[in-house]
PDB file of N, CA and C in Angstrom:
ATOM      1  N   UNK A   1      13.497   9.609   5.476  1.00  0.00           N
ATOM      2  CA  UNK A   1      12.326  10.026   4.735  1.00  0.00           C
ATOM      3  C   UNK A   1      12.328   9.362   3.362  1.00  0.00           C
ATOM      4  N   UNK A   2      11.134   9.049   2.906  1.00  0.00           N
ATOM      5  CA  UNK A   2      10.986   8.396   1.603  1.00  0.00           C
ATOM      6  C   UNK A   2       9.866   9.077   0.832  1.00  0.00           C
ATOM      7  N   UNK A   3      10.100   9.349  -0.445  1.00  0.00           N
ATOM      8  CA  UNK A   3       9.062   9.897  -1.311  1.00  0.00           C
ATOM      9  C   UNK A   3       8.118   8.797  -1.756  1.00  0.00           C
ATOM     10  N   UNK A   4       6.857   9.141  -1.898  1.00  0.00           N
ATOM     11  CA  UNK A   4       5.858   8.232  -2.458  1.00  0.00           C
ATOM     12  C   UNK A   4       5.484   8.792  -3.825  1.00  0.00           C
ATOM     13  N   UNK A   5       5.585   7.944  -4.835  1.00  0.00           N
ATOM     14  CA  UNK A   5       5.249   8.346  -6.197  1.00  0.00           C
ATOM     15  C   UNK A   5       4.353   7.271  -6.794  1.00  0.00           C
ATOM     16  N   UNK A   6       3.211   7.683  -7.341  1.00  0.00           N
ATOM     17  CA  UNK A   6       2.301   6.737  -7.987  1.00  0.00           C
ATOM     18  C   UNK A   6       1.579   7.422  -9.131  1.00  0.00           C
ATOM     19  N   UNK A   7       1.253   6.645 -10.141  1.00  0.00           N
ATOM     20  CA  UNK A   7       0.454   7.184 -11.242  1.00  0.00           C
ATOM     21  C   UNK A   7      -1.044   6.996 -10.981  1.00  0.00           C
ATOM     22  N   UNK A   8      -1.401   6.491  -9.797  1.00  0.00           N
ATOM     23  CA  UNK A   8      -2.803   6.295  -9.428  1.00  0.00           C
ATOM     24  C   UNK A   8      -3.369   7.473  -8.638  1.00  0.00           C
ATOM     25  N   UNK A   9      -2.569   8.531  -8.521  1.00  0.00           N
ATOM     26  CA  UNK A   9      -2.992   9.803  -7.927  1.00  0.00           C
ATOM     27  C   UNK A   9      -2.373  10.894  -8.793  1.00  0.00           C
ATOM     28  N   UNK A  10      -2.953  12.085  -8.790  1.00  0.00           N
ATOM     29  CA  UNK A  10      -2.416  13.149  -9.639  1.00  0.00           C
ATOM     30  C   UNK A  10      -0.952  13.460  -9.330  1.00  0.00           C
ATOM     31  N   UNK A  11      -0.199  13.728 -10.366  1.00  0.00           N
ATOM     32  CA  UNK A  11       1.189  14.145 -10.190  1.00  0.00           C
ATOM     33  C   UNK A  11       1.219  15.515  -9.517  1.00  0.00           C
ATOM     34  N   UNK A  12       2.285  15.792  -8.810  1.00  0.00           N
ATOM     35  CA  UNK A  12       2.444  17.102  -8.180  1.00  0.00           C
ATOM     36  C   UNK A  12       2.453  18.187  -9.253  1.00  0.00           C
ATOM     37  N   UNK A  13       1.789  19.311  -8.962  1.00  0.00           N
ATOM     38  CA  UNK A  13       1.751  20.412  -9.922  1.00  0.00           C
ATOM     39  C   UNK A  13       2.687  21.541  -9.495  1.00  0.00           C
ATOM     40  N   UNK A  14       3.601  21.219  -8.607  1.00  0.00           N
ATOM     41  CA  UNK A  14       4.570  22.197  -8.120  1.00  0.00           C
ATOM     42  C   UNK A  14       5.749  21.474  -7.498  1.00  0.00           C
ATOM     43  N   UNK A  15       6.595  22.212  -6.793  1.00  0.00           N
ATOM     44  CA  UNK A  15       7.800  21.623  -6.199  1.00  0.00           C
ATOM     45  C   UNK A  15       7.517  20.928  -4.862  1.00  0.00           C
ATOM     46  N   UNK A  16       6.769  19.835  -4.929  1.00  0.00           N
ATOM     47  CA  UNK A  16       6.450  19.071  -3.728  1.00  0.00           C
ATOM     48  C   UNK A  16       6.251  17.610  -4.109  1.00  0.00           C
ATOM     49  N   UNK A  17       6.200  16.744  -3.111  1.00  0.00           N
ATOM     50  CA  UNK A  17       5.996  15.313  -3.300  1.00  0.00           C
ATOM     51  C   UNK A  17       4.520  14.977  -3.172  1.00  0.00           C
ATOM     52  N   UNK A  18       4.097  13.895  -3.831  1.00  0.00           N
ATOM     53  CA  UNK A  18       2.724  13.429  -3.650  1.00  0.00           C
ATOM     54  C   UNK A  18       2.500  13.059  -2.185  1.00  0.00           C
ATOM     55  N   UNK A  19       3.500  12.423  -1.592  1.00  0.00           N
ATOM     56  CA  UNK A  19       3.444  12.044  -0.175  1.00  0.00           C
ATOM     57  C   UNK A  19       4.850  11.742   0.306  1.00  0.00           C
ATOM     58  N   UNK A  20       5.011  11.732   1.618  1.00  0.00           N
ATOM     59  CA  UNK A  20       6.273  11.383   2.264  1.00  0.00           C
ATOM     60  C   UNK A  20       6.001  10.374   3.359  1.00  0.00           C
ATOM     61  N   UNK A  21       6.919   9.436   3.511  1.00  0.00           N
ATOM     62  CA  UNK A  21       6.886   8.484   4.619  1.00  0.00           C
ATOM     63  C   UNK A  21       8.004   8.870   5.579  1.00  0.00           C
ATOM     64  N   UNK A  22       7.666   8.993   6.861  1.00  0.00           N
ATOM     65  CA  UNK A  22       8.657   9.311   7.888  1.00  0.00           C
ATOM     66  C   UNK A  22       8.121   8.843   9.237  1.00  0.00           C
ATOM     67  N   UNK A  23       8.995   8.245  10.031  1.00  0.00           N
ATOM     68  CA  UNK A  23       8.629   7.877  11.393  1.00  0.00           C
ATOM     69  C   UNK A  23       7.429   6.959  11.520  1.00  0.00           C
ATOM     70  N   UNK A  24       7.210   6.089  10.528  1.00  0.00           N
ATOM     71  CA  UNK A  24       6.093   5.154  10.593  1.00  0.00           C
ATOM     72  C   UNK A  24       4.755   5.734  10.149  1.00  0.00           C
ATOM     73  N   UNK A  25       4.804   6.934   9.566  1.00  0.00           N
ATOM     74  CA  UNK A  25       3.594   7.593   9.087  1.00  0.00           C
ATOM     75  C   UNK A  25       3.754   7.996   7.628  1.00  0.00           C
ATOM     76  N   UNK A  26       2.629   8.149   6.954  1.00  0.00           N
ATOM     77  CA  UNK A  26       2.622   8.714   5.609  1.00  0.00           C
ATOM     78  C   UNK A  26       1.848  10.023   5.676  1.00  0.00           C
ATOM     79  N   UNK A  27       2.436  11.053   5.077  1.00  0.00           N
ATOM     80  CA  UNK A  27       1.857  12.393   5.035  1.00  0.00           C
ATOM     81  C   UNK A  27       1.557  12.708   3.573  1.00  0.00           C
ATOM     82  N   UNK A  28       0.289  12.831   3.223  1.00  0.00           N
ATOM     83  CA  UNK A  28      -0.045  13.128   1.830  1.00  0.00           C
ATOM     84  C   UNK A  28      -0.089  14.632   1.612  1.00  0.00           C
ATOM     85  N   UNK A  29       0.279  15.026   0.421  1.00  0.00           N
ATOM     86  CA  UNK A  29       0.016  16.398   0.007  1.00  0.00           C
ATOM     87  C   UNK A  29      -1.475  16.508  -0.266  1.00  0.00           C
ATOM     88  N   UNK A  30      -1.977  17.716  -0.323  1.00  0.00           N
ATOM     89  CA  UNK A  30      -3.389  17.918  -0.604  1.00  0.00           C
ATOM     90  C   UNK A  30      -3.750  17.323  -1.952  1.00  0.00           C
ATOM     91  N   UNK A  31      -4.840  16.562  -1.958  1.00  0.00           N
ATOM     92  CA  UNK A  31      -5.306  15.921  -3.190  1.00  0.00           C
ATOM     93  C   UNK A  31      -6.523  16.674  -3.722  1.00  0.00           C
ATOM     94  N   UNK A  32      -6.487  16.966  -5.009  1.00  0.00           N
ATOM     95  CA  UNK A  32      -7.597  17.631  -5.672  1.00  0.00           C
ATOM     96  C   UNK A  32      -8.261  16.628  -6.616  1.00  0.00           C
ATOM     97  N   UNK A  33      -9.419  16.960  -7.176  1.00  0.00           N
ATOM     98  CA  UNK A  33     -10.206  15.972  -7.929  1.00  0.00           C
ATOM     99  C   UNK A  33      -9.770  15.745  -9.381  1.00  0.00           C
ATOM    100  N   UNK A  34      -8.479  15.700  -9.597  1.00  0.00           N
ATOM    101  CA  UNK A  34      -7.969  15.395 -10.933  1.00  0.00           C
ATOM    102  C   UNK A  34      -7.958  13.886 -11.104  1.00  0.00           C
ATOM    103  N   UNK A  35      -8.529  13.408 -12.191  1.00  0.00           N
ATOM    104  CA  UNK A  35      -8.477  11.982 -12.520  1.00  0.00           C
ATOM    105  C   UNK A  35      -7.063  11.693 -13.003  1.00  0.00           C
ATOM    106  N   UNK A  36      -6.305  10.840 -12.301  1.00  0.00           N
ATOM    107  CA  UNK A  36      -4.913  10.605 -12.694  1.00  0.00           C
ATOM    108  C   UNK A  36      -4.775   9.898 -14.045  1.00  0.00           C
ATOM    109  N   UNK A  37      -5.820   9.244 -14.505  1.00  0.00           N
ATOM    110  CA  UNK A  37      -5.752   8.527 -15.787  1.00  0.00           C
ATOM    111  C   UNK A  37      -5.697   9.485 -16.972  1.00  0.00           C
ATOM    112  N   UNK A  38      -6.361  10.655 -16.822  1.00  0.00           N
ATOM    113  CA  UNK A  38      -6.402  11.570 -17.962  1.00  0.00           C
ATOM    114  C   UNK A  38      -6.043  13.009 -17.605  1.00  0.00           C
ATOM    115  N   UNK A  39      -5.780  13.287 -16.327  1.00  0.00           N
ATOM    116  CA  UNK A  39      -5.379  14.621 -15.908  1.00  0.00           C
ATOM    117  C   UNK A  39      -6.487  15.654 -15.932  1.00  0.00           C
ATOM    118  N   UNK A  40      -7.737  15.197 -15.963  1.00  0.00           N
ATOM    119  CA  UNK A  40      -8.880  16.099 -16.096  1.00  0.00           C
ATOM    120  C   UNK A  40      -9.728  16.095 -14.824  1.00  0.00           C
ATOM    121  N   UNK A  41     -10.279  17.258 -14.501  1.00  0.00           N
ATOM    122  CA  UNK A  41     -11.281  17.365 -13.444  1.00  0.00           C
ATOM    123  C   UNK A  41     -12.613  17.108 -14.123  1.00  0.00           C
ATOM    124  N   UNK A  42     -13.195  15.935 -13.874  1.00  0.00           N
ATOM    125  CA  UNK A  42     -14.378  15.510 -14.612  1.00  0.00           C
ATOM    126  C   UNK A  42     -15.693  15.969 -13.992  1.00  0.00           C
ATOM    127  N   UNK A  43     -15.734  16.105 -12.674  1.00  0.00           N
ATOM    128  CA  UNK A  43     -16.976  16.481 -11.994  1.00  0.00           C
ATOM    129  C   UNK A  43     -17.013  17.983 -11.767  1.00  0.00           C
ATOM    130  N   UNK A  44     -18.202  18.542 -11.861  1.00  0.00           N
ATOM    131  CA  UNK A  44     -18.332  19.974 -11.601  1.00  0.00           C
ATOM    132  C   UNK A  44     -19.147  20.258 -10.333  1.00  0.00           C
ATOM    133  N   UNK A  45     -19.481  19.208  -9.587  1.00  0.00           N
ATOM    134  CA  UNK A  45     -20.209  19.369  -8.331  1.00  0.00           C
ATOM    135  C   UNK A  45     -19.355  18.854  -7.178  1.00  0.00           C
ATOM    136  N   UNK A  46     -19.657  19.295  -5.961  1.00  0.00           N
ATOM    137  CA  UNK A  46     -18.821  18.945  -4.815  1.00  0.00           C
ATOM    138  C   UNK A  46     -18.860  17.446  -4.512  1.00  0.00           C
ATOM    139  N   UNK A  47     -19.996  16.788  -4.696  1.00  0.00           N
ATOM    140  CA  UNK A  47     -20.072  15.347  -4.426  1.00  0.00           C
ATOM    141  C   UNK A  47     -19.157  14.574  -5.378  1.00  0.00           C
ATOM    142  N   UNK A  48     -19.226  14.873  -6.649  1.00  0.00           N
ATOM    143  CA  UNK A  48     -18.376  14.196  -7.629  1.00  0.00           C
ATOM    144  C   UNK A  48     -16.908  14.491  -7.418  1.00  0.00           C
ATOM    145  N   UNK A  49     -16.597  15.726  -7.082  1.00  0.00           N
ATOM    146  CA  UNK A  49     -15.199  16.075  -6.840  1.00  0.00           C
ATOM    147  C   UNK A  49     -14.682  15.410  -5.567  1.00  0.00           C
ATOM    148  N   UNK A  50     -15.514  15.353  -4.529  1.00  0.00           N
ATOM    149  CA  UNK A  50     -15.096  14.694  -3.284  1.00  0.00           C
ATOM    150  C   UNK A  50     -14.849  13.212  -3.524  1.00  0.00           C
ATOM    151  N   UNK A  51     -15.675  12.586  -4.327  1.00  0.00           N
ATOM    152  CA  UNK A  51     -15.490  11.171  -4.676  1.00  0.00           C
ATOM    153  C   UNK A  51     -14.109  10.951  -5.299  1.00  0.00           C
ATOM    154  N   UNK A  52     -13.734  11.794  -6.265  1.00  0.00           N
ATOM    155  CA  UNK A  52     -12.434  11.634  -6.919  1.00  0.00           C
ATOM    156  C   UNK A  52     -11.290  11.923  -5.951  1.00  0.00           C
ATOM    157  N   UNK A  53     -11.440  12.949  -5.122  1.00  0.00           N
ATOM    158  CA  UNK A  53     -10.399  13.270  -4.146  1.00  0.00           C
ATOM    159  C   UNK A  53     -10.190  12.093  -3.190  1.00  0.00           C
ATOM    160  N   UNK A  54     -11.269  11.513  -2.693  1.00  0.00           N
ATOM    161  CA  UNK A  54     -11.152  10.375  -1.774  1.00  0.00           C
ATOM    162  C   UNK A  54     -10.472   9.192  -2.448  1.00  0.00           C
ATOM    163  N   UNK A  55     -10.793   8.938  -3.708  1.00  0.00           N
ATOM    164  CA  UNK A  55     -10.110   7.867  -4.455  1.00  0.00           C
ATOM    165  C   UNK A  55      -8.623   8.173  -4.574  1.00  0.00           C
ATOM    166  N   UNK A  56      -8.284   9.433  -4.846  1.00  0.00           N
ATOM    167  CA  UNK A  56      -6.873   9.810  -4.969  1.00  0.00           C
ATOM    168  C   UNK A  56      -6.133   9.613  -3.653  1.00  0.00           C
ATOM    169  N   UNK A  57      -6.744  10.026  -2.536  1.00  0.00           N
ATOM    170  CA  UNK A  57      -6.120   9.831  -1.226  1.00  0.00           C
ATOM    171  C   UNK A  57      -5.941   8.334  -0.956  1.00  0.00           C
ATOM    172  N   UNK A  58      -6.973   7.553  -1.198  1.00  0.00           N
ATOM    173  CA  UNK A  58      -6.919   6.095  -0.994  1.00  0.00           C
ATOM    174  C   UNK A  58      -5.786   5.474  -1.810  1.00  0.00           C
ATOM    175  N   UNK A  59      -5.704   5.819  -3.079  1.00  0.00           N
ATOM    176  CA  UNK A  59      -4.668   5.254  -3.948  1.00  0.00           C
ATOM    177  C   UNK A  59      -3.270   5.669  -3.509  1.00  0.00           C
ATOM    178  N   UNK A  60      -3.120   6.897  -3.076  1.00  0.00           N
ATOM    179  CA  UNK A  60      -1.815   7.377  -2.616  1.00  0.00           C
ATOM    180  C   UNK A  60      -1.392   6.663  -1.335  1.00  0.00           C
ATOM    181  N   UNK A  61      -2.320   6.493  -0.420  1.00  0.00           N
ATOM    182  CA  UNK A  61      -2.005   5.772   0.824  1.00  0.00           C
ATOM    183  C   UNK A  61      -1.621   4.323   0.540  1.00  0.00           C
ATOM    184  N   UNK A  62      -2.337   3.678  -0.368  1.00  0.00           N
ATOM    185  CA  UNK A  62      -2.012   2.298  -0.721  1.00  0.00           C
ATOM    186  C   UNK A  62      -0.641   2.206  -1.377  1.00  0.00           C
ATOM    187  N   UNK A  63      -0.283   3.180  -2.193  1.00  0.00           N
ATOM    188  CA  UNK A  63       1.051   3.196  -2.808  1.00  0.00           C
ATOM    189  C   UNK A  63       2.145   3.345  -1.756  1.00  0.00           C
ATOM    190  N   UNK A  64       1.798   3.946  -0.628  1.00  0.00           N
ATOM    191  CA  UNK A  64       2.746   4.125   0.470  1.00  0.00           C
ATOM    192  C   UNK A  64       2.790   2.926   1.411  1.00  0.00           C
ATOM    193  N   UNK A  65       1.942   1.922   1.167  1.00  0.00           N
ATOM    194  CA  UNK A  65       1.901   0.752   2.037  1.00  0.00           C
ATOM    195  C   UNK A  65       0.957   0.920   3.209  1.00  0.00           C
ATOM    196  N   UNK A  66       0.055   1.870   3.121  1.00  0.00           N
ATOM    197  CA  UNK A  66      -0.922   2.114   4.175  1.00  0.00           C
ATOM    198  C   UNK A  66      -2.318   1.887   3.604  1.00  0.00           C
ATOM    199  N   UNK A  67      -3.320   2.436   4.265  1.00  0.00           N
ATOM    200  CA  UNK A  67      -4.691   2.337   3.757  1.00  0.00           C
ATOM    201  C   UNK A  67      -5.518   3.470   4.339  1.00  0.00           C
ATOM    202  N   UNK A  68      -6.664   3.677   3.762  1.00  0.00           N
ATOM    203  CA  UNK A  68      -7.550   4.740   4.232  1.00  0.00           C
ATOM    204  C   UNK A  68      -8.073   4.441   5.641  1.00  0.00           C
ATOM    205  N   UNK A  69      -8.097   3.168   6.027  1.00  0.00           N
ATOM    206  CA  UNK A  69      -8.534   2.787   7.375  1.00  0.00           C
ATOM    207  C   UNK A  69      -7.512   3.145   8.446  1.00  0.00           C
ATOM    208  N   UNK A  70      -6.280   3.473   8.040  1.00  0.00           N
ATOM    209  CA  UNK A  70      -5.225   3.820   8.988  1.00  0.00           C
ATOM    210  C   UNK A  70      -5.013   5.327   9.108  1.00  0.00           C
ATOM    211  N   UNK A  71      -5.919   6.102   8.521  1.00  0.00           N
ATOM    212  CA  UNK A  71      -5.799   7.558   8.588  1.00  0.00           C
ATOM    213  C   UNK A  71      -6.069   8.035  10.009  1.00  0.00           C
ATOM    214  N   UNK A  72      -5.179   8.874  10.498  1.00  0.00           N
ATOM    215  CA  UNK A  72      -5.275   9.438  11.845  1.00  0.00           C
ATOM    216  C   UNK A  72      -5.920  10.818  11.810  1.00  0.00           C
ATOM    217  N   UNK A  73      -5.566  11.592  10.775  1.00  0.00           N
ATOM    218  CA  UNK A  73      -5.994  12.997  10.708  1.00  0.00           C
ATOM    219  C   UNK A  73      -6.149  13.419   9.256  1.00  0.00           C
ATOM    220  N   UNK A  74      -7.189  14.167   8.971  1.00  0.00           N
ATOM    221  CA  UNK A  74      -7.348  14.800   7.664  1.00  0.00           C
ATOM    222  C   UNK A  74      -7.505  16.303   7.850  1.00  0.00           C
ATOM    223  N   UNK A  75      -7.097  17.014   6.827  1.00  0.00           N
ATOM    224  CA  UNK A  75      -7.366  18.444   6.737  1.00  0.00           C
ATOM    225  C   UNK A  75      -8.092  18.625   5.417  1.00  0.00           C
ATOM    226  N   UNK A  76      -9.282  19.209   5.475  1.00  0.00           N
ATOM    227  CA  UNK A  76     -10.161  19.326   4.311  1.00  0.00           C
ATOM    228  C   UNK A  76     -10.429  20.795   4.022  1.00  0.00           C
ATOM    229  N   UNK A  77     -10.386  21.114   2.744  1.00  0.00           N
ATOM    230  CA  UNK A  77     -10.600  22.478   2.294  1.00  0.00           C
ATOM    231  C   UNK A  77     -11.777  22.500   1.325  1.00  0.00           C
ATOM    232  N   UNK A  78     -12.720  23.379   1.571  1.00  0.00           N
ATOM    233  CA  UNK A  78     -13.874  23.550   0.691  1.00  0.00           C
ATOM    234  C   UNK A  78     -13.843  24.957   0.105  1.00  0.00           C
ATOM    235  N   UNK A  79     -14.209  25.073  -1.154  1.00  0.00           N
ATOM    236  CA  UNK A  79     -14.280  26.391  -1.783  1.00  0.00           C
ATOM    237  C   UNK A  79     -15.471  27.188  -1.261  1.00  0.00           C
ATOM    238  N   UNK A  80     -16.468  26.483  -0.718  1.00  0.00           N
ATOM    239  CA  UNK A  80     -17.660  27.148  -0.176  1.00  0.00           C
ATOM    240  C   UNK A  80     -18.226  26.288   0.942  1.00  0.00           C
ATOM    241  N   UNK A  81     -18.368  26.848   2.129  1.00  0.00           N
ATOM    242  CA  UNK A  81     -18.837  26.086   3.293  1.00  0.00           C
ATOM    243  C   UNK A  81     -20.264  25.580   3.107  1.00  0.00           C
ATOM    244  N   UNK A  82     -21.016  26.141   2.188  1.00  0.00           N
ATOM    245  CA  UNK A  82     -22.375  25.641   1.948  1.00  0.00           C
ATOM    246  C   UNK A  82     -22.352  24.218   1.375  1.00  0.00           C
ATOM    247  N   UNK A  83     -21.190  23.757   0.925  1.00  0.00           N
ATOM    248  CA  UNK A  83     -21.039  22.393   0.410  1.00  0.00           C
ATOM    249  C   UNK A  83     -20.713  21.378   1.510  1.00  0.00           C
ATOM    250  N   UNK A  84     -20.676  21.836   2.756  1.00  0.00           N
ATOM    251  CA  UNK A  84     -20.257  20.991   3.883  1.00  0.00           C
ATOM    252  C   UNK A  84     -21.060  19.696   3.974  1.00  0.00           C
ATOM    253  N   UNK A  85     -22.358  19.761   3.872  1.00  0.00           N
ATOM    254  CA  UNK A  85     -23.210  18.577   4.002  1.00  0.00           C
ATOM    255  C   UNK A  85     -22.978  17.578   2.864  1.00  0.00           C
ATOM    256  N   UNK A  86     -22.954  18.060   1.628  1.00  0.00           N
ATOM    257  CA  UNK A  86     -22.724  17.178   0.475  1.00  0.00           C
ATOM    258  C   UNK A  86     -21.327  16.553   0.552  1.00  0.00           C
ATOM    259  N   UNK A  87     -20.350  17.339   0.984  1.00  0.00           N
ATOM    260  CA  UNK A  87     -18.989  16.846   1.175  1.00  0.00           C
ATOM    261  C   UNK A  87     -18.971  15.728   2.211  1.00  0.00           C
ATOM    262  N   UNK A  88     -19.611  15.960   3.364  1.00  0.00           N
ATOM    263  CA  UNK A  88     -19.622  14.977   4.450  1.00  0.00           C
ATOM    264  C   UNK A  88     -20.247  13.653   4.024  1.00  0.00           C
ATOM    265  N   UNK A  89     -21.272  13.710   3.198  1.00  0.00           N
ATOM    266  CA  UNK A  89     -21.945  12.489   2.753  1.00  0.00           C
ATOM    267  C   UNK A  89     -20.970  11.569   2.021  1.00  0.00           C
ATOM    268  N   UNK A  90     -20.176  12.129   1.131  1.00  0.00           N
ATOM    269  CA  UNK A  90     -19.199  11.321   0.382  1.00  0.00           C
ATOM    270  C   UNK A  90     -18.018  10.955   1.275  1.00  0.00           C
ATOM    271  N   UNK A  91     -17.498  11.907   2.017  1.00  0.00           N
ATOM    272  CA  UNK A  91     -16.358  11.689   2.911  1.00  0.00           C
ATOM    273  C   UNK A  91     -16.615  10.504   3.846  1.00  0.00           C
ATOM    274  N   UNK A  92     -17.813  10.429   4.404  1.00  0.00           N
ATOM    275  CA  UNK A  92     -18.170   9.377   5.368  1.00  0.00           C
ATOM    276  C   UNK A  92     -18.111   7.981   4.755  1.00  0.00           C
ATOM    277  N   UNK A  93     -18.314   7.851   3.448  1.00  0.00           N
ATOM    278  CA  UNK A  93     -18.232   6.543   2.785  1.00  0.00           C
ATOM    279  C   UNK A  93     -16.802   6.018   2.758  1.00  0.00           C
ATOM    280  N   UNK A  94     -15.834   6.905   2.730  1.00  0.00           N
ATOM    281  CA  UNK A  94     -14.430   6.511   2.627  1.00  0.00           C
ATOM    282  C   UNK A  94     -13.726   6.469   3.978  1.00  0.00           C
ATOM    283  N   UNK A  95     -13.927   7.478   4.802  1.00  0.00           N
ATOM    284  CA  UNK A  95     -13.210   7.589   6.069  1.00  0.00           C
ATOM    285  C   UNK A  95     -14.062   7.012   7.198  1.00  0.00           C
ATOM    286  N   UNK A  96     -14.291   5.691   7.125  1.00  0.00           N
ATOM    287  CA  UNK A  96     -15.177   5.013   8.067  1.00  0.00           C
ATOM    288  C   UNK A  96     -14.582   4.888   9.463  1.00  0.00           C
ATOM    289  N   UNK A  97     -13.268   5.080   9.603  1.00  0.00           N
ATOM    290  CA  UNK A  97     -12.641   4.995  10.927  1.00  0.00           C
ATOM    291  C   UNK A  97     -12.755   6.317  11.690  1.00  0.00           C
ATOM    292  N   UNK A  98     -13.401   7.318  11.107  1.00  0.00           N
ATOM    293  CA  UNK A  98     -13.622   8.627  11.748  1.00  0.00           C
ATOM    294  C   UNK A  98     -12.339   9.257  12.285  1.00  0.00           C
ATOM    295  N   UNK A  99     -11.379   9.527  11.392  1.00  0.00           N
ATOM    296  CA  UNK A  99     -10.141  10.166  11.864  1.00  0.00           C
ATOM    297  C   UNK A  99     -10.417  11.569  12.389  1.00  0.00           C
ATOM    298  N   UNK A 100      -9.477  12.091  13.164  1.00  0.00           N
ATOM    299  CA  UNK A 100      -9.554  13.497  13.565  1.00  0.00           C
ATOM    300  C   UNK A 100      -9.562  14.324  12.278  1.00  0.00           C
ATOM    301  N   UNK A 101     -10.227  15.496  12.308  1.00  0.00           N
ATOM    302  CA  UNK A 101     -10.366  16.246  11.062  1.00  0.00           C
ATOM    303  C   UNK A 101     -10.526  17.727  11.320  1.00  0.00           C
ATOM    304  N   UNK A 102      -9.963  18.507  10.425  1.00  0.00           N
ATOM    305  CA  UNK A 102     -10.269  19.931  10.320  1.00  0.00           C
ATOM    306  C   UNK A 102     -10.900  20.112   8.958  1.00  0.00           C
ATOM    307  N   UNK A 103     -11.901  20.982   8.859  1.00  0.00           N
ATOM    308  CA  UNK A 103     -12.549  21.259   7.576  1.00  0.00           C
ATOM    309  C   UNK A 103     -12.862  22.748   7.540  1.00  0.00           C
ATOM    310  N   UNK A 104     -12.267  23.434   6.582  1.00  0.00           N
ATOM    311  CA  UNK A 104     -12.445  24.879   6.498  1.00  0.00           C
ATOM    312  C   UNK A 104     -12.775  25.293   5.071  1.00  0.00           C
ATOM    313  N   UNK A 105     -13.438  26.423   4.954  1.00  0.00           N
ATOM    314  CA  UNK A 105     -13.662  27.030   3.643  1.00  0.00           C
ATOM    315  C   UNK A 105     -12.495  27.971   3.373  1.00  0.00           C
ATOM    316  N   UNK A 106     -12.032  27.964   2.139  1.00  0.00           N
ATOM    317  CA  UNK A 106     -10.907  28.804   1.733  1.00  0.00           C
ATOM    318  C   UNK A 106     -11.303  29.636   0.523  1.00  0.00           C
ATOM    319  N   UNK A 107     -10.530  30.656   0.252  1.00  0.00           N
ATOM    320  CA  UNK A 107     -10.846  31.558  -0.856  1.00  0.00           C
ATOM    321  C   UNK A 107     -10.728  30.858  -2.202  1.00  0.00           C
ATOM    322  N   UNK A 108      -9.642  30.123  -2.412  1.00  0.00           N
ATOM    323  CA  UNK A 108      -9.408  29.433  -3.686  1.00  0.00           C
ATOM    324  C   UNK A 108      -8.677  28.122  -3.450  1.00  0.00           C
ATOM    325  N   UNK A 109      -8.961  27.163  -4.314  1.00  0.00           N
ATOM    326  CA  UNK A 109      -8.254  25.883  -4.343  1.00  0.00           C
ATOM    327  C   UNK A 109      -7.645  25.778  -5.737  1.00  0.00           C
ATOM    328  N   UNK A 110      -6.427  25.220  -5.871  1.00  0.00           N
ATOM    329  CA  UNK A 110      -5.801  25.144  -7.187  1.00  0.00           C
ATOM    330  C   UNK A 110      -6.727  24.570  -8.261  1.00  0.00           C
ATOM    331  N   UNK A 111      -6.575  25.080  -9.451  1.00  0.00           N
ATOM    332  CA  UNK A 111      -7.321  24.663 -10.643  1.00  0.00           C
ATOM    333  C   UNK A 111      -8.824  24.891 -10.532  1.00  0.00           C
ATOM    334  N   UNK A 112      -9.235  25.771  -9.622  1.00  0.00           N
ATOM    335  CA  UNK A 112     -10.653  26.074  -9.472  1.00  0.00           C
ATOM    336  C   UNK A 112     -11.470  24.962  -8.858  1.00  0.00           C
ATOM    337  N   UNK A 113     -10.820  24.052  -8.158  1.00  0.00           N
ATOM    338  CA  UNK A 113     -11.508  22.906  -7.555  1.00  0.00           C
ATOM    339  C   UNK A 113     -12.400  23.350  -6.395  1.00  0.00           C
ATOM    340  N   UNK A 114     -13.344  22.481  -6.054  1.00  0.00           N
ATOM    341  CA  UNK A 114     -14.276  22.748  -4.962  1.00  0.00           C
ATOM    342  C   UNK A 114     -13.843  22.125  -3.648  1.00  0.00           C
ATOM    343  N   UNK A 115     -12.908  21.147  -3.709  1.00  0.00           N
ATOM    344  CA  UNK A 115     -12.501  20.413  -2.508  1.00  0.00           C
ATOM    345  C   UNK A 115     -11.062  19.938  -2.641  1.00  0.00           C
ATOM    346  N   UNK A 116     -10.388  19.877  -1.495  1.00  0.00           N
ATOM    347  CA  UNK A 116      -9.026  19.332  -1.398  1.00  0.00           C
ATOM    348  C   UNK A 116      -8.902  18.655  -0.043  1.00  0.00           C
ATOM    349  N   UNK A 117      -8.216  17.517   0.003  1.00  0.00           N
ATOM    350  CA  UNK A 117      -8.021  16.779   1.257  1.00  0.00           C
ATOM    351  C   UNK A 117      -6.563  16.355   1.359  1.00  0.00           C
ATOM    352  N   UNK A 118      -5.994  16.543   2.548  1.00  0.00           N
ATOM    353  CA  UNK A 118      -4.691  15.961   2.876  1.00  0.00           C
ATOM    354  C   UNK A 118      -4.880  15.032   4.065  1.00  0.00           C
ATOM    355  N   UNK A 119      -3.991  14.046   4.190  1.00  0.00           N
ATOM    356  CA  UNK A 119      -4.164  13.030   5.234  1.00  0.00           C
ATOM    357  C   UNK A 119      -2.832  12.624   5.843  1.00  0.00           C
ATOM    358  N   UNK A 120      -2.907  12.177   7.095  1.00  0.00           N
ATOM    359  CA  UNK A 120      -1.784  11.558   7.794  1.00  0.00           C
ATOM    360  C   UNK A 120      -2.265  10.192   8.246  1.00  0.00           C
ATOM    361  N   UNK A 121      -1.484   9.146   7.920  1.00  0.00           N
ATOM    362  CA  UNK A 121      -1.874   7.780   8.274  1.00  0.00           C
ATOM    363  C   UNK A 121      -0.683   6.987   8.806  1.00  0.00           C
ATOM    364  N   UNK A 122      -0.982   5.954   9.574  1.00  0.00           N
ATOM    365  CA  UNK A 122       0.034   4.998   9.983  1.00  0.00           C
ATOM    366  C   UNK A 122       0.405   4.119   8.795  1.00  0.00           C
ATOM    367  N   UNK A 123       1.612   3.662   8.788  1.00  0.00           N
ATOM    368  CA  UNK A 123       2.030   2.708   7.746  1.00  0.00           C
ATOM    369  C   UNK A 123       1.569   1.326   8.152  1.00  0.00           C
TER     370      UNK A 123
END
C-alpha cells in the first residue's frame, strides 16, 4: 500500500489519507469543495461546489498516476437530494467514462458542504 499526498487537493481533516494505492487501484477519500490553494469553500451553490469537488478528485487521481477517465466507481453524497439534477450536470462534464456510481442524500457533510465524492480508479 502507498499513500497519495498532494497539495492540489485538500489536506485530510482527520486521521486518514487523501488516497491510497493498492493492487493496481487508487482509492480516494471523500473530497469536499475546499479550494486547496487557500483552504476555503468558495461556492455556496451545489453546481459550484460540485465543480471544485470534481477538480479535487481529478487532481488527486493525477497525483496517484491515474486519471479521471480511469475511474471505475464513485460514491457521491448530497446534502439535499433536490440538488441531484444540478449535481449531475456538472458531474457529467468530468466523469465522461460513466463509471458505476452510488449517489445518496445524507444528513450532514463535513464543514457544511453540499456535496462530497469518493472514487476508485485503475492506475
